[in-house]
Amino acid sequence: MCVVVVVMVVVVVVVVAAAAAVMMKEDIIVESRRILLPAPSVRHNYSVRSASMDGRGSAFTRPVTAITHPDRPG
């Protein structure tokens, strides 16, 4: 019985640690490489909704305008 409880506790800790690592990686991807946002969007719908409301609208429109405007005059 004790072995089963210990194994279940270890499994829960590993799952929580993996979820925290995934969240940290998603935050790094959102800040550094915004092109990779559609890839995690398929896997994690809960993060996509918050990212689409906060980051995606401003993140995808601002770099596009910043890239296209200098190209047109120059």
PDB file of N, CA and C in Angstrom:
ATOM      1  N   MET A   1       0.825  -1.208   0.000  1.00  0.00           N
ATOM      2  CA  MET A   1       0.000   0.000   0.000  1.00  0.00           C
ATOM      3  C   MET A   1       0.857   1.254   0.000  1.00  0.00           C
ATOM      4  N   CYS A   2       1.881   1.242   0.819  1.00  0.00           N
ATOM      5  CA  CYS A   2       2.747   2.429   0.880  1.00  0.00           C
ATOM      6  C   CYS A   2       3.448   2.670  -0.448  1.00  0.00           C
ATOM      7  N   VAL A   3       3.828   1.588  -1.107  1.00  0.00           N
ATOM      8  CA  VAL A   3       4.518   1.739  -2.393  1.00  0.00           C
ATOM      9  C   VAL A   3       3.593   2.379  -3.419  1.00  0.00           C
ATOM     10  N   VAL A   4       2.329   1.989  -3.410  1.00  0.00           N
ATOM     11  CA  VAL A   4       1.368   2.559  -4.356  1.00  0.00           C
ATOM     12  C   VAL A   4       1.193   4.050  -4.100  1.00  0.00           C
ATOM     13  N   VAL A   5       1.097   4.443  -2.850  1.00  0.00           N
ATOM     14  CA  VAL A   5       0.936   5.858  -2.507  1.00  0.00           C
ATOM     15  C   VAL A   5       2.166   6.651  -2.931  1.00  0.00           C
ATOM     16  N   VAL A   6       3.344   6.116  -2.682  1.00  0.00           N
ATOM     17  CA  VAL A   6       4.577   6.812  -3.058  1.00  0.00           C
ATOM     18  C   VAL A   6       4.663   6.963  -4.572  1.00  0.00           C
ATOM     19  N   VAL A   7       4.304   5.916  -5.300  1.00  0.00           N
ATOM     20  CA  VAL A   7       4.351   5.983  -6.765  1.00  0.00           C
ATOM     21  C   VAL A   7       3.365   7.024  -7.281  1.00  0.00           C
ATOM     22  N   MET A   8       2.180   7.078  -6.717  1.00  0.00           N
ATOM     23  CA  MET A   8       1.194   8.058  -7.171  1.00  0.00           C
ATOM     24  C   MET A   8       1.649   9.479  -6.856  1.00  0.00           C
ATOM     25  N   VAL A   9       2.261   9.689  -5.704  1.00  0.00           N
ATOM     26  CA  VAL A   9       2.772  11.018  -5.365  1.00  0.00           C
ATOM     27  C   VAL A   9       3.874  11.421  -6.334  1.00  0.00           C
ATOM     28  N   VAL A  10       4.754  10.493  -6.668  1.00  0.00           N
ATOM     29  CA  VAL A  10       5.835  10.793  -7.615  1.00  0.00           C
ATOM     30  C   VAL A  10       5.258  11.133  -8.981  1.00  0.00           C
ATOM     31  N   VAL A  11       4.238  10.406  -9.413  1.00  0.00           N
ATOM     32  CA  VAL A  11       3.615  10.682 -10.712  1.00  0.00           C
ATOM     33  C   VAL A  11       2.993  12.073 -10.716  1.00  0.00           C
ATOM     34  N   VAL A  12       2.312  12.441  -9.643  1.00  0.00           N
ATOM     35  CA  VAL A  12       1.692  13.766  -9.571  1.00  0.00           C
ATOM     36  C   VAL A  12       2.760  14.859  -9.609  1.00  0.00           C
ATOM     37  N   VAL A  13       3.848  14.669  -8.886  1.00  0.00           N
ATOM     38  CA  VAL A  13       4.915  15.670  -8.874  1.00  0.00           C
ATOM     39  C   VAL A  13       5.528  15.810 -10.262  1.00  0.00           C
ATOM     40  N   VAL A  14       5.732  14.696 -10.952  1.00  0.00           N
ATOM     41  CA  VAL A  14       6.318  14.752 -12.295  1.00  0.00           C
ATOM     42  C   VAL A  14       5.377  15.458 -13.262  1.00  0.00           C
ATOM     43  N   VAL A  15       4.089  15.187 -13.165  1.00  0.00           N
ATOM     44  CA  VAL A  15       3.125  15.831 -14.062  1.00  0.00           C
ATOM     45  C   VAL A  15       3.071  17.332 -13.803  1.00  0.00           C
ATOM     46  N   VAL A  16       3.071  17.730 -12.544  1.00  0.00           N
ATOM     47  CA  VAL A  16       3.041  19.161 -12.219  1.00  0.00           C
ATOM     48  C   VAL A  16       4.321  19.844 -12.690  1.00  0.00           C
ATOM     49  N   ALA A  17       5.455  19.191 -12.515  1.00  0.00           N
ATOM     50  CA  ALA A  17       6.717  19.771 -12.974  1.00  0.00           C
ATOM     51  C   ALA A  17       6.739  19.885 -14.492  1.00  0.00           C
ATOM     52  N   ALA A  18       6.211  18.890 -15.185  1.00  0.00           N
ATOM     53  CA  ALA A  18       6.167  18.953 -16.649  1.00  0.00           C
ATOM     54  C   ALA A  18       5.244  20.075 -17.115  1.00  0.00           C
ATOM     55  N   ALA A  19       4.113  20.243 -16.442  1.00  0.00           N
ATOM     56  CA  ALA A  19       3.200  21.325 -16.813  1.00  0.00           C
ATOM     57  C   ALA A  19       3.842  22.686 -16.570  1.00  0.00           C
ATOM     58  N   ALA A  20       4.569  22.833 -15.477  1.00  0.00           N
ATOM     59  CA  ALA A  20       5.254  24.099 -15.205  1.00  0.00           C
ATOM     60  C   ALA A  20       6.335  24.359 -16.246  1.00  0.00           C
ATOM     61  N   ALA A  21       7.041  23.316 -16.660  1.00  0.00           N
ATOM     62  CA  ALA A  21       8.075  23.488 -17.684  1.00  0.00           C
ATOM     63  C   ALA A  21       7.456  23.885 -19.016  1.00  0.00           C
ATOM     64  N   VAL A  22       6.305  23.306 -19.342  1.00  0.00           N
ATOM     65  CA  VAL A  22       5.636  23.661 -20.594  1.00  0.00           C
ATOM     66  C   VAL A  22       5.178  25.111 -20.552  1.00  0.00           C
ATOM     67  N   MET A  23       4.648  25.545 -19.415  1.00  0.00           N
ATOM     68  CA  MET A  23       4.211  26.934 -19.312  1.00  0.00           C
ATOM     69  C   MET A  23       5.391  27.890 -19.428  1.00  0.00           C
ATOM     70  N   MET A  24       6.510  27.550 -18.818  1.00  0.00           N
ATOM     71  CA  MET A  24       7.690  28.408 -18.927  1.00  0.00           C
ATOM     72  C   MET A  24       8.177  28.465 -20.364  1.00  0.00           C
ATOM     73  N   LYS A  25       8.165  27.336 -21.046  1.00  0.00           N
ATOM     74  CA  LYS A  25       8.609  27.325 -22.442  1.00  0.00           C
ATOM     75  C   LYS A  25       7.666  28.142 -23.308  1.00  0.00           C
ATOM     76  N   GLU A  26       6.361  28.066 -23.034  1.00  0.00           N
ATOM     77  CA  GLU A  26       5.417  28.849 -23.825  1.00  0.00           C
ATOM     78  C   GLU A  26       5.633  30.339 -23.601  1.00  0.00           C
ATOM     79  N   ASP A  27       5.912  30.744 -22.360  1.00  0.00           N
ATOM     80  CA  ASP A  27       6.175  32.153 -22.106  1.00  0.00           C
ATOM     81  C   ASP A  27       7.422  32.610 -22.841  1.00  0.00           C
ATOM     82  N   ILE A  28       8.452  31.776 -22.859  1.00  0.00           N
ATOM     83  CA  ILE A  28       9.680  32.149 -23.563  1.00  0.00           C
ATOM     84  C   ILE A  28       9.419  32.235 -25.058  1.00  0.00           C
ATOM     85  N   ILE A  29       8.627  31.299 -25.587  1.00  0.00           N
ATOM     86  CA  ILE A  29       8.334  31.325 -27.020  1.00  0.00           C
ATOM     87  C   ILE A  29       7.521  32.566 -27.360  1.00  0.00           C
ATOM     88  N   VAL A  30       6.561  32.912 -26.507  1.00  0.00           N
ATOM     89  CA  VAL A  30       5.726  34.079 -26.793  1.00  0.00           C
ATOM     90  C   VAL A  30       6.578  35.336 -26.795  1.00  0.00           C
ATOM     91  N   GLU A  31       7.544  35.439 -25.881  1.00  0.00           N
ATOM     92  CA  GLU A  31       8.346  36.649 -25.812  1.00  0.00           C
ATOM     93  C   GLU A  31       9.416  36.693 -26.894  1.00  0.00           C
ATOM     94  N   SER A  32      10.077  35.563 -27.174  1.00  0.00           N
ATOM     95  CA  SER A  32      11.216  35.604 -28.081  1.00  0.00           C
ATOM     96  C   SER A  32      10.813  35.359 -29.527  1.00  0.00           C
ATOM     97  N   ARG A  33      10.060  34.294 -29.778  1.00  0.00           N
ATOM     98  CA  ARG A  33       9.712  33.948 -31.157  1.00  0.00           C
ATOM     99  C   ARG A  33       8.203  33.881 -31.271  1.00  0.00           C
ATOM    100  N   ARG A  34       7.611  34.902 -31.804  1.00  0.00           N
ATOM    101  CA  ARG A  34       6.154  34.945 -31.874  1.00  0.00           C
ATOM    102  C   ARG A  34       5.634  34.175 -33.070  1.00  0.00           C
ATOM    103  N   ILE A  35       6.499  33.797 -33.971  1.00  0.00           N
ATOM    104  CA  ILE A  35       6.053  33.007 -35.120  1.00  0.00           C
ATOM    105  C   ILE A  35       5.627  31.615 -34.662  1.00  0.00           C
ATOM    106  N   LEU A  36       6.184  31.129 -33.560  1.00  0.00           N
ATOM    107  CA  LEU A  36       5.880  29.786 -33.086  1.00  0.00           C
ATOM    108  C   LEU A  36       4.572  29.718 -32.303  1.00  0.00           C
ATOM    109  N   LEU A  37       3.853  30.827 -32.168  1.00  0.00           N
ATOM    110  CA  LEU A  37       2.595  30.793 -31.427  1.00  0.00           C
ATOM    111  C   LEU A  37       1.556  29.849 -32.029  1.00  0.00           C
ATOM    112  N   PRO A  38       1.392  29.762 -33.352  1.00  0.00           N
ATOM    113  CA  PRO A  38       0.385  28.830 -33.867  1.00  0.00           C
ATOM    114  C   PRO A  38       0.689  27.372 -33.535  1.00  0.00           C
ATOM    115  N   ALA A  39       1.958  26.991 -33.384  1.00  0.00           N
ATOM    116  CA  ALA A  39       2.282  25.597 -33.065  1.00  0.00           C
ATOM    117  C   ALA A  39       1.767  25.192 -31.681  1.00  0.00           C
ATOM    118  N   PRO A  40       2.041  25.971 -30.592  1.00  0.00           N
ATOM    119  CA  PRO A  40       1.441  25.589 -29.316  1.00  0.00           C
ATOM    120  C   PRO A  40      -0.065  25.812 -29.271  1.00  0.00           C
ATOM    121  N   SER A  41      -0.593  26.635 -30.185  1.00  0.00           N
ATOM    122  CA  SER A  41      -2.022  26.917 -30.139  1.00  0.00           C
ATOM    123  C   SER A  41      -2.830  25.660 -30.413  1.00  0.00           C
ATOM    124  N   VAL A  42      -2.298  24.753 -31.215  1.00  0.00           N
ATOM    125  CA  VAL A  42      -3.032  23.526 -31.502  1.00  0.00           C
ATOM    126  C   VAL A  42      -3.069  22.643 -30.266  1.00  0.00           C
ATOM    127  N   ARG A  43      -2.004  22.649 -29.485  1.00  0.00           N
ATOM    128  CA  ARG A  43      -1.930  21.761 -28.332  1.00  0.00           C
ATOM    129  C   ARG A  43      -2.686  22.323 -27.131  1.00  0.00           C
ATOM    130  N   HIS A  44      -2.500  23.597 -26.847  1.00  0.00           N
ATOM    131  CA  HIS A  44      -3.044  24.175 -25.613  1.00  0.00           C
ATOM    132  C   HIS A  44      -4.034  25.273 -25.981  1.00  0.00           C
ATOM    133  N   ASN A  45      -5.305  24.947 -25.900  1.00  0.00           N
ATOM    134  CA  ASN A  45      -6.316  25.929 -26.262  1.00  0.00           C
ATOM    135  C   ASN A  45      -6.464  27.004 -25.192  1.00  0.00           C
ATOM    136  N   TYR A  46      -6.170  26.657 -23.932  1.00  0.00           N
ATOM    137  CA  TYR A  46      -6.364  27.640 -22.864  1.00  0.00           C
ATOM    138  C   TYR A  46      -5.339  28.758 -22.976  1.00  0.00           C
ATOM    139  N   SER A  47      -4.110  28.435 -23.405  1.00  0.00           N
ATOM    140  CA  SER A  47      -3.097  29.477 -23.513  1.00  0.00           C
ATOM    141  C   SER A  47      -3.298  30.291 -24.780  1.00  0.00           C
ATOM    142  N   VAL A  48      -3.919  29.698 -25.786  1.00  0.00           N
ATOM    143  CA  VAL A  48      -4.103  30.408 -27.044  1.00  0.00           C
ATOM    144  C   VAL A  48      -5.106  31.533 -26.873  1.00  0.00           C
ATOM    145  N   ARG A  49      -6.138  31.283 -26.084  1.00  0.00           N
ATOM    146  CA  ARG A  49      -7.144  32.328 -25.920  1.00  0.00           C
ATOM    147  C   ARG A  49      -6.549  33.552 -25.232  1.00  0.00           C
ATOM    148  N   SER A  50      -5.749  33.333 -24.201  1.00  0.00           N
ATOM    149  CA  SER A  50      -5.140  34.473 -23.532  1.00  0.00           C
ATOM    150  C   SER A  50      -4.079  35.112 -24.417  1.00  0.00           C
ATOM    151  N   ALA A  51      -3.344  34.283 -25.160  1.00  0.00           N
ATOM    152  CA  ALA A  51      -2.313  34.838 -26.028  1.00  0.00           C
ATOM    153  C   ALA A  51      -2.941  35.583 -27.197  1.00  0.00           C
ATOM    154  N   SER A  52      -4.078  35.094 -27.692  1.00  0.00           N
ATOM    155  CA  SER A  52      -4.699  35.766 -28.823  1.00  0.00           C
ATOM    156  C   SER A  52      -5.308  37.091 -28.382  1.00  0.00           C
ATOM    157  N   MET A  53      -5.768  37.167 -27.147  1.00  0.00           N
ATOM    158  CA  MET A  53      -6.341  38.422 -26.681  1.00  0.00           C
ATOM    159  C   MET A  53      -5.247  39.439 -26.361  1.00  0.00           C
ATOM    160  N   ASP A  54      -4.190  38.995 -25.695  1.00  0.00           N
ATOM    161  CA  ASP A  54      -3.151  39.934 -25.285  1.00  0.00           C
ATOM    162  C   ASP A  54      -2.047  40.045 -26.330  1.00  0.00           C
ATOM    163  N   GLY A  55      -1.422  38.929 -26.624  1.00  0.00           N
ATOM    164  CA  GLY A  55      -0.206  38.986 -27.419  1.00  0.00           C
ATOM    165  C   GLY A  55      -0.422  38.910 -28.904  1.00  0.00           C
ATOM    166  N   ARG A  56      -1.383  38.131 -29.352  1.00  0.00           N
ATOM    167  CA  ARG A  56      -1.404  37.828 -30.767  1.00  0.00           C
ATOM    168  C   ARG A  56      -1.823  39.039 -31.592  1.00  0.00           C
ATOM    169  N   GLY A  57      -2.825  39.788 -31.122  1.00  0.00           N
ATOM    170  CA  GLY A  57      -3.254  40.938 -31.899  1.00  0.00           C
ATOM    171  C   GLY A  57      -2.165  41.977 -32.028  1.00  0.00           C
ATOM    172  N   SER A  58      -1.538  42.321 -30.905  1.00  0.00           N
ATOM    173  CA  SER A  58      -0.490  43.332 -30.958  1.00  0.00           C
ATOM    174  C   SER A  58       0.822  42.742 -31.440  1.00  0.00           C
ATOM    175  N   ALA A  59       1.056  41.467 -31.122  1.00  0.00           N
ATOM    176  CA  ALA A  59       2.350  40.876 -31.460  1.00  0.00           C
ATOM    177  C   ALA A  59       2.467  40.665 -32.957  1.00  0.00           C
ATOM    178  N   PHE A  60       1.388  40.282 -33.605  1.00  0.00           N
ATOM    179  CA  PHE A  60       1.495  39.992 -35.024  1.00  0.00           C
ATOM    180  C   PHE A  60       1.292  41.238 -35.873  1.00  0.00           C
ATOM    181  N   THR A  61       0.524  42.213 -35.395  1.00  0.00           N
ATOM    182  CA  THR A  61       0.298  43.386 -36.233  1.00  0.00           C
ATOM    183  C   THR A  61       1.449  44.373 -36.131  1.00  0.00           C
ATOM    184  N   ARG A  62       2.007  44.554 -34.939  1.00  0.00           N
ATOM    185  CA  ARG A  62       3.058  45.564 -34.800  1.00  0.00           C
ATOM    186  C   ARG A  62       4.341  45.216 -35.553  1.00  0.00           C
ATOM    187  N   PRO A  63       4.859  43.975 -35.449  1.00  0.00           N
ATOM    188  CA  PRO A  63       6.051  43.697 -36.249  1.00  0.00           C
ATOM    189  C   PRO A  63       5.788  43.771 -37.744  1.00  0.00           C
ATOM    190  N   VAL A  64       4.575  43.410 -38.188  1.00  0.00           N
ATOM    191  CA  VAL A  64       4.283  43.464 -39.619  1.00  0.00           C
ATOM    192  C   VAL A  64       4.298  44.903 -40.093  1.00  0.00           C
ATOM    193  N   THR A  65       3.664  45.800 -39.338  1.00  0.00           N
ATOM    194  CA  THR A  65       3.670  47.202 -39.753  1.00  0.00           C
ATOM    195  C   THR A  65       5.071  47.785 -39.633  1.00  0.00           C
ATOM    196  N   ALA A  66       5.819  47.340 -38.618  1.00  0.00           N
ATOM    197  CA  ALA A  66       7.170  47.866 -38.458  1.00  0.00           C
ATOM    198  C   ALA A  66       8.074  47.375 -39.579  1.00  0.00           C
ATOM    199  N   ILE A  67       7.793  46.181 -40.095  1.00  0.00           N
ATOM    200  CA  ILE A  67       8.632  45.660 -41.174  1.00  0.00           C
ATOM    201  C   ILE A  67       8.207  46.251 -42.518  1.00  0.00           C
ATOM    202  N   THR A  68       6.895  46.399 -42.747  1.00  0.00           N
ATOM    203  CA  THR A  68       6.453  46.823 -44.074  1.00  0.00           C
ATOM    204  C   THR A  68       6.659  48.313 -44.290  1.00  0.00           C
ATOM    205  N   HIS A  69       6.493  49.132 -43.263  1.00  0.00           N
ATOM    206  CA  HIS A  69       6.621  50.572 -43.480  1.00  0.00           C
ATOM    207  C   HIS A  69       8.039  50.998 -43.855  1.00  0.00           C
ATOM    208  N   PRO A  70       9.082  50.494 -43.210  1.00  0.00           N
ATOM    209  CA  PRO A  70      10.421  50.880 -43.687  1.00  0.00           C
ATOM    210  C   PRO A  70      10.725  50.337 -45.080  1.00  0.00           C
ATOM    211  N   ASP A  71      10.112  49.227 -45.471  1.00  0.00           N
ATOM    212  CA  ASP A  71      10.402  48.684 -46.799  1.00  0.00           C
ATOM    213  C   ASP A  71       9.757  49.520 -47.896  1.00  0.00           C
ATOM    214  N   ARG A  72       8.602  50.069 -47.651  1.00  0.00           N
ATOM    215  CA  ARG A  72       7.927  50.812 -48.716  1.00  0.00           C
ATOM    216  C   ARG A  72       8.651  52.113 -49.081  1.00  0.00           C
ATOM    217  N   PRO A  73       9.015  52.965 -48.118  1.00  0.00           N
ATOM    218  CA  PRO A  73       9.732  54.188 -48.547  1.00  0.00           C
ATOM    219  C   PRO A  73      11.139  53.880 -49.060  1.00  0.00           C
ATOM    220  N   GLY A  74      11.816  52.901 -48.461  1.00  0.00           N
ATOM    221  CA  GLY A  74      13.190  52.636 -48.854  1.00  0.00           C
ATOM    222  C   GLY A  74      13.250  51.709 -50.029  1.00  0.00           C
TER     223      GLY A  74
END
